[in-house]
Amino acid sequence: MAESSTAKPRIHIQEVGTRDGFQGEPRFIPTADKVRLIDALSLCGLAKIEVTSFTSPKAIPALADAEEVLRGIRRQPGLVYTSLVPNLKGAERAIAAGTDELNLTMSTSETHNLLNLRMTREQSVARLFEVVDLAKASGVTLNVSLSTCFGCPMEGAIPEAVVFGFAERFLDRGVEGISLCDTTGMAHPDQVRSLCEAFRTRFPRAQVTLHLHNTRGMGLVNALAGIEAGVDRFDASLGGIGGCPYAPGATGNVCTEDLVHLLRAQGHPMDVDLSGLLAAARSLPELLGHDVPGQVMHAGRTEDLHPVPASLTAIRERALGSASAPD
């Protein structure tokens, strides 16, 4: 049955925990465990999974097994398996390993780009254009994640014109999607709504994704603001793991299962299996060796009612007896 014009939009959830979350973990997660988790997530109705990152193993040793993981997973039809790549060499590795999509990244902040990628923004653009040309020749789709769109912890606010200027250069080059990233969790709802509305007006044919971090506890309300602005794709991280190393006190992305729980409660059509996500999230503490920020995995869904305590009968009898006793 077709949805009515007043129906809430269908939201697409894109899991990034196995890249954005795992990349900063201090201990190496065995390849077989990564594959097992991705296979479980593949059955949860997600739109996309960012499997890994094809960066230098020296730079990110936690993801040194990128090829083995990407080749080892059981792929589900219709699910996009994407890989983050910083340069041409990484793109060549990812394409050879069978990635469906290349996710390129650079920062809209010059300071953050230098710290994170050791390049100026213009150097990043030049290198990423090489990747774009390779991907087009290889038939692999492209997304560009623009970091610090909602603020840089060193520079402050990033002008909208700067964000849109970089987006336009990549879209004009043939990139299909742009991710607007709140890399350091500085965004607030009015800012998210304003930037996303303006972006969709200026680039109506671009596939836009919101990549939100929960550093200041505003990840979920910022997601709702993005939906109000017409965004229907969101990156999220299982258990809320992750965090930017160049943002003091940074925490992970908006939590996948918490976001899905919220959107289901709000009445948005969802293809995502929340029970499957919760099962996967509850496996993380043992896998990582520490607790994770996700809240629904600890408290349960709002519809998961608790059993009535055995003491209720005695409490009720005492209460009724007290009410009927004469003064």
C-alpha atoms as a PDB file:
ATOM      1  CA  MET A   1       0.000   0.000   0.000  1.00  0.00           C
ATOM      2  CA  ALA A   2       1.348   3.447  -0.895  1.00  0.00           C
ATOM      3  CA  GLU A   3       2.139   5.746   1.996  1.00  0.00           C
ATOM      4  CA  SER A   4      -0.122   8.778   2.328  1.00  0.00           C
ATOM      5  CA  SER A   5       1.224  12.279   1.823  1.00  0.00           C
ATOM      6  CA  THR A   6       1.038  12.860   5.566  1.00  0.00           C
ATOM      7  CA  ALA A   7       2.993   9.706   6.474  1.00  0.00           C
ATOM      8  CA  LYS A   8       6.345  10.174   8.134  1.00  0.00           C
ATOM      9  CA  PRO A   9       9.328   9.518   5.860  1.00  0.00           C
ATOM     10  CA  ARG A  10      11.137   6.193   5.775  1.00  0.00           C
ATOM     11  CA  ILE A  11      14.550   6.572   7.361  1.00  0.00           C
ATOM     12  CA  HIS A  12      17.654   4.720   6.194  1.00  0.00           C
ATOM     13  CA  ILE A  13      20.225   3.774   8.842  1.00  0.00           C
ATOM     14  CA  GLN A  14      23.872   3.342   7.900  1.00  0.00           C
ATOM     15  CA  GLU A  15      26.096   1.526  10.403  1.00  0.00           C
ATOM     16  CA  VAL A  16      29.607   2.933  10.901  1.00  0.00           C
ATOM     17  CA  GLY A  17      30.619   1.295  14.176  1.00  0.00           C
ATOM     18  CA  THR A  18      32.822  -1.316  12.568  1.00  0.00           C
ATOM     19  CA  ARG A  19      34.935   1.495  11.102  1.00  0.00           C
ATOM     20  CA  ASP A  20      34.413   4.725  13.059  1.00  0.00           C
ATOM     21  CA  GLY A  21      33.908   2.809  16.284  1.00  0.00           C
ATOM     22  CA  PHE A  22      36.619   0.182  15.951  1.00  0.00           C
ATOM     23  CA  GLN A  23      39.384   2.429  14.597  1.00  0.00           C
ATOM     24  CA  GLY A  24      40.171   3.947  17.986  1.00  0.00           C
ATOM     25  CA  GLU A  25      39.988   0.792  20.085  1.00  0.00           C
ATOM     26  CA  PRO A  26      43.233   0.202  21.999  1.00  0.00           C
ATOM     27  CA  ARG A  27      43.253  -3.560  21.538  1.00  0.00           C
ATOM     28  CA  PHE A  28      43.026  -5.363  18.219  1.00  0.00           C
ATOM     29  CA  ILE A  29      39.684  -7.035  17.595  1.00  0.00           C
ATOM     30  CA  PRO A  30      40.230 -10.420  15.930  1.00  0.00           C
ATOM     31  CA  THR A  31      39.285 -10.538  12.274  1.00  0.00           C
ATOM     32  CA  ALA A  32      36.860 -13.431  12.785  1.00  0.00           C
ATOM     33  CA  ASP A  33      35.011 -11.424  15.464  1.00  0.00           C
ATOM     34  CA  LYS A  34      34.714  -8.429  13.151  1.00  0.00           C
ATOM     35  CA  VAL A  35      33.335 -10.616  10.378  1.00  0.00           C
ATOM     36  CA  ARG A  36      30.903 -12.304  12.768  1.00  0.00           C
ATOM     37  CA  LEU A  37      29.563  -8.953  13.972  1.00  0.00           C
ATOM     38  CA  ILE A  38      29.182  -7.544  10.454  1.00  0.00           C
ATOM     39  CA  ASP A  39      27.367 -10.709   9.377  1.00  0.00           C
ATOM     40  CA  ALA A  40      24.950 -10.266  12.299  1.00  0.00           C
ATOM     41  CA  LEU A  41      24.406  -6.604  11.427  1.00  0.00           C
ATOM     42  CA  SER A  42      23.834  -7.559   7.784  1.00  0.00           C
ATOM     43  CA  LEU A  43      20.643  -9.339   8.850  1.00  0.00           C
ATOM     44  CA  CYS A  44      19.225  -6.281  10.650  1.00  0.00           C
ATOM     45  CA  GLY A  45      17.772  -4.373   7.682  1.00  0.00           C
ATOM     46  CA  LEU A  46      20.368  -1.612   7.525  1.00  0.00           C
ATOM     47  CA  ALA A  47      20.850   0.399   4.330  1.00  0.00           C
ATOM     48  CA  LYS A  48      24.626   0.458   4.453  1.00  0.00           C
ATOM     49  CA  ILE A  49      27.512  -0.823   6.576  1.00  0.00           C
ATOM     50  CA  GLU A  50      30.860   0.943   6.608  1.00  0.00           C
ATOM     51  CA  VAL A  51      32.894  -2.212   6.940  1.00  0.00           C
ATOM     52  CA  THR A  52      36.396  -0.864   7.436  1.00  0.00           C
ATOM     53  CA  SER A  53      38.995   1.710   6.433  1.00  0.00           C
ATOM     54  CA  PHE A  54      41.752   1.213   3.893  1.00  0.00           C
ATOM     55  CA  THR A  55      44.232   3.502   5.579  1.00  0.00           C
ATOM     56  CA  SER A  56      47.824   2.715   6.390  1.00  0.00           C
ATOM     57  CA  PRO A  57      48.033  -0.121   8.949  1.00  0.00           C
ATOM     58  CA  LYS A  58      50.692   1.943  10.707  1.00  0.00           C
ATOM     59  CA  ALA A  59      48.251   4.844  11.095  1.00  0.00           C
ATOM     60  CA  ILE A  60      45.280   2.725  12.203  1.00  0.00           C
ATOM     61  CA  PRO A  61      46.528  -0.700  13.331  1.00  0.00           C
ATOM     62  CA  ALA A  62      43.053  -1.618  14.610  1.00  0.00           C
ATOM     63  CA  LEU A  63      41.904  -1.918  10.969  1.00  0.00           C
ATOM     64  CA  ALA A  64      45.028  -3.499   9.517  1.00  0.00           C
ATOM     65  CA  ASP A  65      42.933  -6.497   8.405  1.00  0.00           C
ATOM     66  CA  ALA A  66      40.706  -4.475   6.053  1.00  0.00           C
ATOM     67  CA  GLU A  67      41.064  -6.834   3.074  1.00  0.00           C
ATOM     68  CA  GLU A  68      40.428  -9.955   5.147  1.00  0.00           C
ATOM     69  CA  VAL A  69      37.313  -8.495   6.737  1.00  0.00           C
ATOM     70  CA  LEU A  70      35.789  -7.218   3.497  1.00  0.00           C
ATOM     71  CA  ARG A  71      36.448 -10.502   1.721  1.00  0.00           C
ATOM     72  CA  GLY A  72      35.260 -12.613   4.650  1.00  0.00           C
ATOM     73  CA  ILE A  73      31.765 -11.218   5.228  1.00  0.00           C
ATOM     74  CA  ARG A  74      28.555 -12.824   3.948  1.00  0.00           C
ATOM     75  CA  ARG A  75      26.895 -10.175   1.813  1.00  0.00           C
ATOM     76  CA  GLN A  76      23.158  -9.625   1.815  1.00  0.00           C
ATOM     77  CA  PRO A  77      21.302  -8.474  -1.334  1.00  0.00           C
ATOM     78  CA  GLY A  78      20.466  -4.785  -1.409  1.00  0.00           C
ATOM     79  CA  LEU A  79      22.851  -3.886   1.416  1.00  0.00           C
ATOM     80  CA  VAL A  80      25.704  -1.541   0.483  1.00  0.00           C
ATOM     81  CA  TYR A  81      29.106  -2.427   1.930  1.00  0.00           C
ATOM     82  CA  THR A  82      31.253   0.685   1.918  1.00  0.00           C
ATOM     83  CA  SER A  83      34.858   1.410   2.862  1.00  0.00           C
ATOM     84  CA  LEU A  84      36.559   4.603   3.967  1.00  0.00           C
ATOM     85  CA  VAL A  85      39.571   5.471   1.828  1.00  0.00           C
ATOM     86  CA  PRO A  86      41.946   8.434   2.256  1.00  0.00           C
ATOM     87  CA  ASN A  87      43.847   8.274  -1.032  1.00  0.00           C
ATOM     88  CA  LEU A  88      44.418   6.491  -4.336  1.00  0.00           C
ATOM     89  CA  LYS A  89      46.368   3.599  -2.805  1.00  0.00           C
ATOM     90  CA  GLY A  90      43.610   2.936  -0.296  1.00  0.00           C
ATOM     91  CA  ALA A  91      41.006   3.081  -3.054  1.00  0.00           C
ATOM     92  CA  GLU A  92      42.891   0.559  -5.163  1.00  0.00           C
ATOM     93  CA  ARG A  93      43.062  -1.822  -2.178  1.00  0.00           C
ATOM     94  CA  ALA A  94      39.354  -1.398  -1.422  1.00  0.00           C
ATOM     95  CA  ILE A  95      38.260  -1.962  -5.021  1.00  0.00           C
ATOM     96  CA  ALA A  96      40.443  -5.064  -5.290  1.00  0.00           C
ATOM     97  CA  ALA A  97      38.842  -6.410  -2.090  1.00  0.00           C
ATOM     98  CA  GLY A  98      35.348  -5.926  -3.536  1.00  0.00           C
ATOM     99  CA  THR A  99      33.914  -2.837  -1.865  1.00  0.00           C
ATOM    100  CA  ASP A 100      30.557  -1.628  -3.181  1.00  0.00           C
ATOM    101  CA  GLU A 101      31.288   2.015  -2.434  1.00  0.00           C
ATOM    102  CA  LEU A 102      34.203   4.263  -1.598  1.00  0.00           C
ATOM    103  CA  ASN A 103      33.652   6.781   1.179  1.00  0.00           C
ATOM    104  CA  LEU A 104      36.167   9.594   0.787  1.00  0.00           C
ATOM    105  CA  THR A 105      36.860  12.033   3.582  1.00  0.00           C
ATOM    106  CA  MET A 106      38.303  15.460   4.176  1.00  0.00           C
ATOM    107  CA  SER A 107      37.625  18.272   6.593  1.00  0.00           C
ATOM    108  CA  THR A 108      36.018  21.618   5.847  1.00  0.00           C
ATOM    109  CA  SER A 109      38.323  23.031   8.562  1.00  0.00           C
ATOM    110  CA  GLU A 110      41.913  23.665   7.468  1.00  0.00           C
ATOM    111  CA  THR A 111      43.238  23.071  10.979  1.00  0.00           C
ATOM    112  CA  HIS A 112      41.357  19.808  11.458  1.00  0.00           C
ATOM    113  CA  ASN A 113      42.355  18.594   8.002  1.00  0.00           C
ATOM    114  CA  LEU A 114      46.027  19.216   8.729  1.00  0.00           C
ATOM    115  CA  LEU A 115      45.841  17.447  12.087  1.00  0.00           C
ATOM    116  CA  ASN A 116      43.762  14.524  10.856  1.00  0.00           C
ATOM    117  CA  LEU A 117      45.102  13.981   7.330  1.00  0.00           C
ATOM    118  CA  ARG A 118      48.446  15.836   7.393  1.00  0.00           C
ATOM    119  CA  MET A 119      47.397  17.795   4.306  1.00  0.00           C
ATOM    120  CA  THR A 120      45.871  21.138   3.429  1.00  0.00           C
ATOM    121  CA  ARG A 121      42.289  21.053   2.210  1.00  0.00           C
ATOM    122  CA  GLU A 122      43.373  21.751  -1.366  1.00  0.00           C
ATOM    123  CA  GLN A 123      45.859  18.894  -1.229  1.00  0.00           C
ATOM    124  CA  SER A 124      43.043  16.643  -0.028  1.00  0.00           C
ATOM    125  CA  VAL A 125      40.766  17.734  -2.866  1.00  0.00           C
ATOM    126  CA  ALA A 126      43.483  16.984  -5.432  1.00  0.00           C
ATOM    127  CA  ARG A 127      44.112  13.514  -4.001  1.00  0.00           C
ATOM    128  CA  LEU A 128      40.433  12.690  -3.714  1.00  0.00           C
ATOM    129  CA  PHE A 129      39.783  13.767  -7.298  1.00  0.00           C
ATOM    130  CA  GLU A 130      42.266  11.049  -8.307  1.00  0.00           C
ATOM    131  CA  VAL A 131      40.146   8.545  -6.383  1.00  0.00           C
ATOM    132  CA  VAL A 132      36.958   9.841  -8.014  1.00  0.00           C
ATOM    133  CA  ASP A 133      38.428   9.255 -11.462  1.00  0.00           C
ATOM    134  CA  LEU A 134      39.524   5.739 -10.505  1.00  0.00           C
ATOM    135  CA  ALA A 135      36.130   4.875  -9.040  1.00  0.00           C
ATOM    136  CA  LYS A 136      34.250   6.090 -12.108  1.00  0.00           C
ATOM    137  CA  ALA A 137      36.455   3.935 -14.303  1.00  0.00           C
ATOM    138  CA  SER A 138      35.903   0.950 -11.989  1.00  0.00           C
ATOM    139  CA  GLY A 139      32.132   1.340 -11.664  1.00  0.00           C
ATOM    140  CA  VAL A 140      32.235   1.794  -7.887  1.00  0.00           C
ATOM    141  CA  THR A 141      29.888   4.358  -6.327  1.00  0.00           C
ATOM    142  CA  LEU A 142      31.192   7.303  -4.327  1.00  0.00           C
ATOM    143  CA  ASN A 143      30.338   9.236  -1.204  1.00  0.00           C
ATOM    144  CA  VAL A 144      32.317  12.108   0.276  1.00  0.00           C
ATOM    145  CA  SER A 145      32.207  12.727   4.014  1.00  0.00           C
ATOM    146  CA  LEU A 146      32.889  16.372   4.822  1.00  0.00           C
ATOM    147  CA  SER A 147      34.131  16.597   8.406  1.00  0.00           C
ATOM    148  CA  THR A 148      33.508  19.452  10.876  1.00  0.00           C
ATOM    149  CA  CYS A 149      30.611  20.905   8.862  1.00  0.00           C
ATOM    150  CA  PHE A 150      28.983  22.075  12.095  1.00  0.00           C
ATOM    151  CA  GLY A 151      32.096  23.389  13.804  1.00  0.00           C
ATOM    152  CA  CYS A 152      35.779  22.787  14.472  1.00  0.00           C
ATOM    153  CA  PRO A 153      37.103  22.692  18.064  1.00  0.00           C
ATOM    154  CA  MET A 154      40.092  24.784  16.973  1.00  0.00           C
ATOM    155  CA  GLU A 155      38.528  27.206  14.461  1.00  0.00           C
ATOM    156  CA  GLY A 156      34.925  27.402  15.650  1.00  0.00           C
ATOM    157  CA  ALA A 157      32.041  27.732  13.200  1.00  0.00           C
ATOM    158  CA  ILE A 158      32.666  26.800   9.566  1.00  0.00           C
ATOM    159  CA  PRO A 159      30.913  29.158   7.104  1.00  0.00           C
ATOM    160  CA  GLU A 160      28.113  27.565   5.122  1.00  0.00           C
ATOM    161  CA  ALA A 161      29.717  28.820   1.921  1.00  0.00           C
ATOM    162  CA  VAL A 162      32.867  26.818   2.689  1.00  0.00           C
ATOM    163  CA  VAL A 163      30.908  23.602   3.294  1.00  0.00           C
ATOM    164  CA  PHE A 164      28.829  24.057   0.147  1.00  0.00           C
ATOM    165  CA  GLY A 165      31.869  25.022  -1.904  1.00  0.00           C
ATOM    166  CA  PHE A 166      33.607  21.709  -1.238  1.00  0.00           C
ATOM    167  CA  ALA A 167      30.369  19.757  -1.714  1.00  0.00           C
ATOM    168  CA  GLU A 168      29.755  21.396  -5.084  1.00  0.00           C
ATOM    169  CA  ARG A 169      33.248  20.578  -6.351  1.00  0.00           C
ATOM    170  CA  PHE A 170      32.766  16.879  -5.606  1.00  0.00           C
ATOM    171  CA  LEU A 171      29.204  16.717  -6.925  1.00  0.00           C
ATOM    172  CA  ASP A 172      30.280  18.418 -10.131  1.00  0.00           C
ATOM    173  CA  ARG A 173      32.979  15.737 -10.446  1.00  0.00           C
ATOM    174  CA  GLY A 174      30.339  12.988 -10.396  1.00  0.00           C
ATOM    175  CA  VAL A 175      30.166  11.992  -6.716  1.00  0.00           C
ATOM    176  CA  GLU A 176      26.714  10.622  -5.849  1.00  0.00           C
ATOM    177  CA  GLY A 177      26.480  11.371  -2.126  1.00  0.00           C
ATOM    178  CA  ILE A 178      27.667  13.850   0.477  1.00  0.00           C
ATOM    179  CA  SER A 179      27.793  13.239   4.219  1.00  0.00           C
ATOM    180  CA  LEU A 180      27.537  16.342   6.395  1.00  0.00           C
ATOM    181  CA  CYS A 181      29.541  15.387   9.464  1.00  0.00           C
ATOM    182  CA  ASP A 182      29.324  16.742  12.987  1.00  0.00           C
ATOM    183  CA  THR A 183      32.701  15.191  13.647  1.00  0.00           C
ATOM    184  CA  THR A 184      33.245  16.683  17.091  1.00  0.00           C
ATOM    185  CA  GLY A 185      29.671  16.903  18.340  1.00  0.00           C
ATOM    186  CA  MET A 186      29.370  20.690  18.219  1.00  0.00           C
ATOM    187  CA  ALA A 187      26.048  20.893  16.354  1.00  0.00           C
ATOM    188  CA  HIS A 188      22.722  22.001  17.800  1.00  0.00           C
ATOM    189  CA  PRO A 189      19.231  21.425  16.324  1.00  0.00           C
ATOM    190  CA  ASP A 190      18.629  24.880  14.834  1.00  0.00           C
ATOM    191  CA  GLN A 191      22.020  24.770  13.125  1.00  0.00           C
ATOM    192  CA  VAL A 192      21.403  21.261  11.771  1.00  0.00           C
ATOM    193  CA  ARG A 193      17.964  22.210  10.479  1.00  0.00           C
ATOM    194  CA  SER A 194      19.241  25.374   8.806  1.00  0.00           C
ATOM    195  CA  LEU A 195      22.282  23.824   7.129  1.00  0.00           C
ATOM    196  CA  CYS A 196      20.401  20.750   5.920  1.00  0.00           C
ATOM    197  CA  GLU A 197      17.495  22.767   4.516  1.00  0.00           C
ATOM    198  CA  ALA A 198      19.904  25.043   2.663  1.00  0.00           C
ATOM    199  CA  PHE A 199      21.924  22.073   1.389  1.00  0.00           C
ATOM    200  CA  ARG A 200      18.873  20.265   0.034  1.00  0.00           C
ATOM    201  CA  THR A 201      17.655  23.443  -1.647  1.00  0.00           C
ATOM    202  CA  ARG A 202      20.985  24.046  -3.344  1.00  0.00           C
ATOM    203  CA  PHE A 203      21.749  20.391  -4.201  1.00  0.00           C
ATOM    204  CA  PRO A 204      18.336  18.730  -4.641  1.00  0.00           C
ATOM    205  CA  ARG A 205      19.680  15.703  -6.533  1.00  0.00           C
ATOM    206  CA  ALA A 206      22.477  14.840  -4.091  1.00  0.00           C
ATOM    207  CA  GLN A 207      22.047  11.938  -1.697  1.00  0.00           C
ATOM    208  CA  VAL A 208      22.741  13.570   1.663  1.00  0.00           C
ATOM    209  CA  THR A 209      23.642  11.763   4.872  1.00  0.00           C
ATOM    210  CA  LEU A 210      23.935  13.183   8.377  1.00  0.00           C
ATOM    211  CA  HIS A 211      26.888  11.866  10.377  1.00  0.00           C
ATOM    212  CA  LEU A 212      26.334  12.912  13.978  1.00  0.00           C
ATOM    213  CA  HIS A 213      28.413  12.480  17.115  1.00  0.00           C
ATOM    214  CA  ASN A 214      26.974  12.608  20.608  1.00  0.00           C
ATOM    215  CA  THR A 215      29.842  14.430  22.329  1.00  0.00           C
ATOM    216  CA  ARG A 216      27.529  16.938  24.002  1.00  0.00           C
ATOM    217  CA  GLY A 217      24.471  14.725  24.297  1.00  0.00           C
ATOM    218  CA  MET A 218      22.604  16.263  21.342  1.00  0.00           C
ATOM    219  CA  GLY A 219      22.963  13.487  18.778  1.00  0.00           C
ATOM    220  CA  LEU A 220      19.354  12.292  18.860  1.00  0.00           C
ATOM    221  CA  VAL A 221      17.749  15.748  18.869  1.00  0.00           C
ATOM    222  CA  ASN A 222      20.045  16.757  16.027  1.00  0.00           C
ATOM    223  CA  ALA A 223      18.851  13.700  14.086  1.00  0.00           C
ATOM    224  CA  LEU A 224      15.241  14.791  14.570  1.00  0.00           C
ATOM    225  CA  ALA A 225      16.163  18.280  13.347  1.00  0.00           C
ATOM    226  CA  GLY A 226      17.744  16.708  10.258  1.00  0.00           C
ATOM    227  CA  ILE A 227      14.568  14.757   9.547  1.00  0.00           C
ATOM    228  CA  GLU A 228      12.537  17.970   9.834  1.00  0.00           C
ATOM    229  CA  ALA A 229      14.859  19.413   7.181  1.00  0.00           C
ATOM    230  CA  GLY A 230      14.205  16.459   4.851  1.00  0.00           C
ATOM    231  CA  VAL A 231      17.244  14.273   5.497  1.00  0.00           C
ATOM    232  CA  ASP A 232      16.411  10.556   5.430  1.00  0.00           C
ATOM    233  CA  ARG A 233      19.865   8.942   5.779  1.00  0.00           C
ATOM    234  CA  PHE A 234      21.849   8.771   8.995  1.00  0.00           C
ATOM    235  CA  ASP A 235      25.167   7.269  10.002  1.00  0.00           C
ATOM    236  CA  ALA A 236      25.098   5.653  13.431  1.00  0.00           C
ATOM    237  CA  SER A 237      27.389   3.474  15.510  1.00  0.00           C
ATOM    238  CA  LEU A 238      26.376   0.304  17.350  1.00  0.00           C
ATOM    239  CA  GLY A 239      26.541   0.924  21.081  1.00  0.00           C
ATOM    240  CA  GLY A 240      27.489   4.564  20.441  1.00  0.00           C
ATOM    241  CA  ILE A 241      31.184   3.677  20.158  1.00  0.00           C
ATOM    242  CA  GLY A 242      33.824   5.838  18.487  1.00  0.00           C
ATOM    243  CA  GLY A 243      35.115   9.393  18.785  1.00  0.00           C
ATOM    244  CA  CYS A 244      37.393  11.930  17.127  1.00  0.00           C
ATOM    245  CA  PRO A 245      40.946  12.070  18.539  1.00  0.00           C
ATOM    246  CA  TYR A 246      41.137  15.829  17.861  1.00  0.00           C
ATOM    247  CA  ALA A 247      38.125  16.802  19.974  1.00  0.00           C
ATOM    248  CA  PRO A 248      38.784  16.886  23.728  1.00  0.00           C
ATOM    249  CA  GLY A 249      36.204  14.745  25.536  1.00  0.00           C
ATOM    250  CA  ALA A 250      34.773  13.418  22.269  1.00  0.00           C
ATOM    251  CA  THR A 251      32.420  10.470  22.363  1.00  0.00           C
ATOM    252  CA  GLY A 252      31.121   8.216  19.636  1.00  0.00           C
ATOM    253  CA  ASN A 253      28.511   8.579  16.971  1.00  0.00           C
ATOM    254  CA  VAL A 254      24.825   8.712  17.730  1.00  0.00           C
ATOM    255  CA  CYS A 255      23.984   5.196  18.919  1.00  0.00           C
ATOM    256  CA  THR A 256      22.409   2.991  16.251  1.00  0.00           C
ATOM    257  CA  GLU A 257      19.954   1.111  18.436  1.00  0.00           C
ATOM    258  CA  ASP A 258      19.027   4.249  20.414  1.00  0.00           C
ATOM    259  CA  LEU A 259      18.320   6.138  17.172  1.00  0.00           C
ATOM    260  CA  VAL A 260      16.227   3.285  15.760  1.00  0.00           C
ATOM    261  CA  HIS A 261      14.315   3.005  19.051  1.00  0.00           C
ATOM    262  CA  LEU A 262      13.541   6.743  18.931  1.00  0.00           C
ATOM    263  CA  LEU A 263      12.447   6.769  15.299  1.00  0.00           C
ATOM    264  CA  ARG A 264      10.191   3.738  15.768  1.00  0.00           C
ATOM    265  CA  ALA A 265       8.569   5.467  18.744  1.00  0.00           C
ATOM    266  CA  GLN A 266       8.050   8.551  16.573  1.00  0.00           C
ATOM    267  CA  GLY A 267       6.218   6.491  13.971  1.00  0.00           C
ATOM    268  CA  HIS A 268       8.774   6.522  11.170  1.00  0.00           C
ATOM    269  CA  PRO A 269       8.607   3.484   8.860  1.00  0.00           C
ATOM    270  CA  MET A 270      11.642   1.361   9.638  1.00  0.00           C
ATOM    271  CA  ASP A 271      13.035  -1.733   7.964  1.00  0.00           C
ATOM    272  CA  VAL A 272      15.527  -2.232  10.792  1.00  0.00           C
ATOM    273  CA  ASP A 273      15.338  -5.147  13.220  1.00  0.00           C
ATOM    274  CA  LEU A 274      15.785  -3.480  16.614  1.00  0.00           C
ATOM    275  CA  SER A 275      15.947  -6.804  18.461  1.00  0.00           C
ATOM    276  CA  GLY A 276      18.829  -7.887  16.231  1.00  0.00           C
ATOM    277  CA  LEU A 277      20.637  -4.597  16.816  1.00  0.00           C
ATOM    278  CA  LEU A 278      20.225  -4.907  20.576  1.00  0.00           C
ATOM    279  CA  ALA A 279      21.600  -8.434  20.539  1.00  0.00           C
ATOM    280  CA  ALA A 280      24.628  -7.233  18.568  1.00  0.00           C
ATOM    281  CA  ALA A 281      25.110  -4.218  20.845  1.00  0.00           C
ATOM    282  CA  ARG A 282      25.009  -6.389  23.970  1.00  0.00           C
ATOM    283  CA  SER A 283      27.907  -8.403  22.576  1.00  0.00           C
ATOM    284  CA  LEU A 284      30.163  -5.345  22.425  1.00  0.00           C
ATOM    285  CA  PRO A 285      31.359  -5.086  26.048  1.00  0.00           C
ATOM    286  CA  GLU A 286      32.861  -8.571  25.929  1.00  0.00           C
ATOM    287  CA  LEU A 287      34.238  -8.005  22.433  1.00  0.00           C
ATOM    288  CA  LEU A 288      35.842  -4.658  23.289  1.00  0.00           C
ATOM    289  CA  GLY A 289      36.697  -5.295  26.908  1.00  0.00           C
ATOM    290  CA  HIS A 290      34.779  -2.285  28.218  1.00  0.00           C
ATOM    291  CA  ASP A 291      31.244  -0.945  28.536  1.00  0.00           C
ATOM    292  CA  VAL A 292      29.693   1.173  25.768  1.00  0.00           C
ATOM    293  CA  PRO A 293      27.476   4.302  25.891  1.00  0.00           C
ATOM    294  CA  GLY A 294      24.299   2.842  24.366  1.00  0.00           C
ATOM    295  CA  GLN A 295      21.293   3.287  26.648  1.00  0.00           C
ATOM    296  CA  VAL A 296      18.503   1.140  25.219  1.00  0.00           C
ATOM    297  CA  MET A 297      20.783  -1.910  25.350  1.00  0.00           C
ATOM    298  CA  HIS A 298      20.957  -1.411  29.125  1.00  0.00           C
ATOM    299  CA  ALA A 299      17.429  -0.194  29.924  1.00  0.00           C
ATOM    300  CA  GLY A 300      15.534  -2.186  27.291  1.00  0.00           C
ATOM    301  CA  ARG A 301      12.874  -0.914  24.914  1.00  0.00           C
ATOM    302  CA  THR A 302      10.021   1.131  26.321  1.00  0.00           C
ATOM    303  CA  GLU A 303       7.623  -1.672  25.388  1.00  0.00           C
ATOM    304  CA  ASP A 304       9.682  -4.234  27.344  1.00  0.00           C
ATOM    305  CA  LEU A 305       7.615  -4.263  30.517  1.00  0.00           C
ATOM    306  CA  HIS A 306       9.025  -5.644  33.746  1.00  0.00           C
ATOM    307  CA  PRO A 307       7.394  -8.521  35.642  1.00  0.00           C
ATOM    308  CA  VAL A 308       5.251  -7.563  38.611  1.00  0.00           C
ATOM    309  CA  PRO A 309       7.204  -8.154  41.877  1.00  0.00           C
ATOM    310  CA  ALA A 310       6.002 -11.105  43.950  1.00  0.00           C
ATOM    311  CA  SER A 311       5.551  -8.747  46.905  1.00  0.00           C
ATOM    312  CA  LEU A 312       2.751  -6.853  45.106  1.00  0.00           C
ATOM    313  CA  THR A 313       0.007  -9.146  46.439  1.00  0.00           C
ATOM    314  CA  ALA A 314       0.970  -8.524  50.059  1.00  0.00           C
ATOM    315  CA  ILE A 315       1.347  -4.795  49.420  1.00  0.00           C
ATOM    316  CA  ARG A 316      -2.128  -4.655  47.832  1.00  0.00           C
ATOM    317  CA  GLU A 317      -3.715  -6.596  50.723  1.00  0.00           C
ATOM    318  CA  ARG A 318      -2.141  -4.296  53.283  1.00  0.00           C
ATOM    319  CA  ALA A 319      -3.225  -1.240  51.346  1.00  0.00           C
ATOM    320  CA  LEU A 320      -6.817  -2.449  50.988  1.00  0.00           C
ATOM    321  CA  GLY A 321      -6.921  -3.556  54.622  1.00  0.00           C
ATOM    322  CA  SER A 322      -5.700  -0.179  55.763  1.00  0.00           C
ATOM    323  CA  ALA A 323      -8.304   1.584  53.613  1.00  0.00           C
ATOM    324  CA  SER A 324     -11.207  -0.491  55.036  1.00  0.00           C
ATOM    325  CA  ALA A 325     -10.124  -0.377  58.698  1.00  0.00           C
ATOM    326  CA  PRO A 326     -12.251   1.909  60.950  1.00  0.00           C
ATOM    327  CA  ASP A 327     -10.687   5.114  62.198  1.00  0.00           C
END
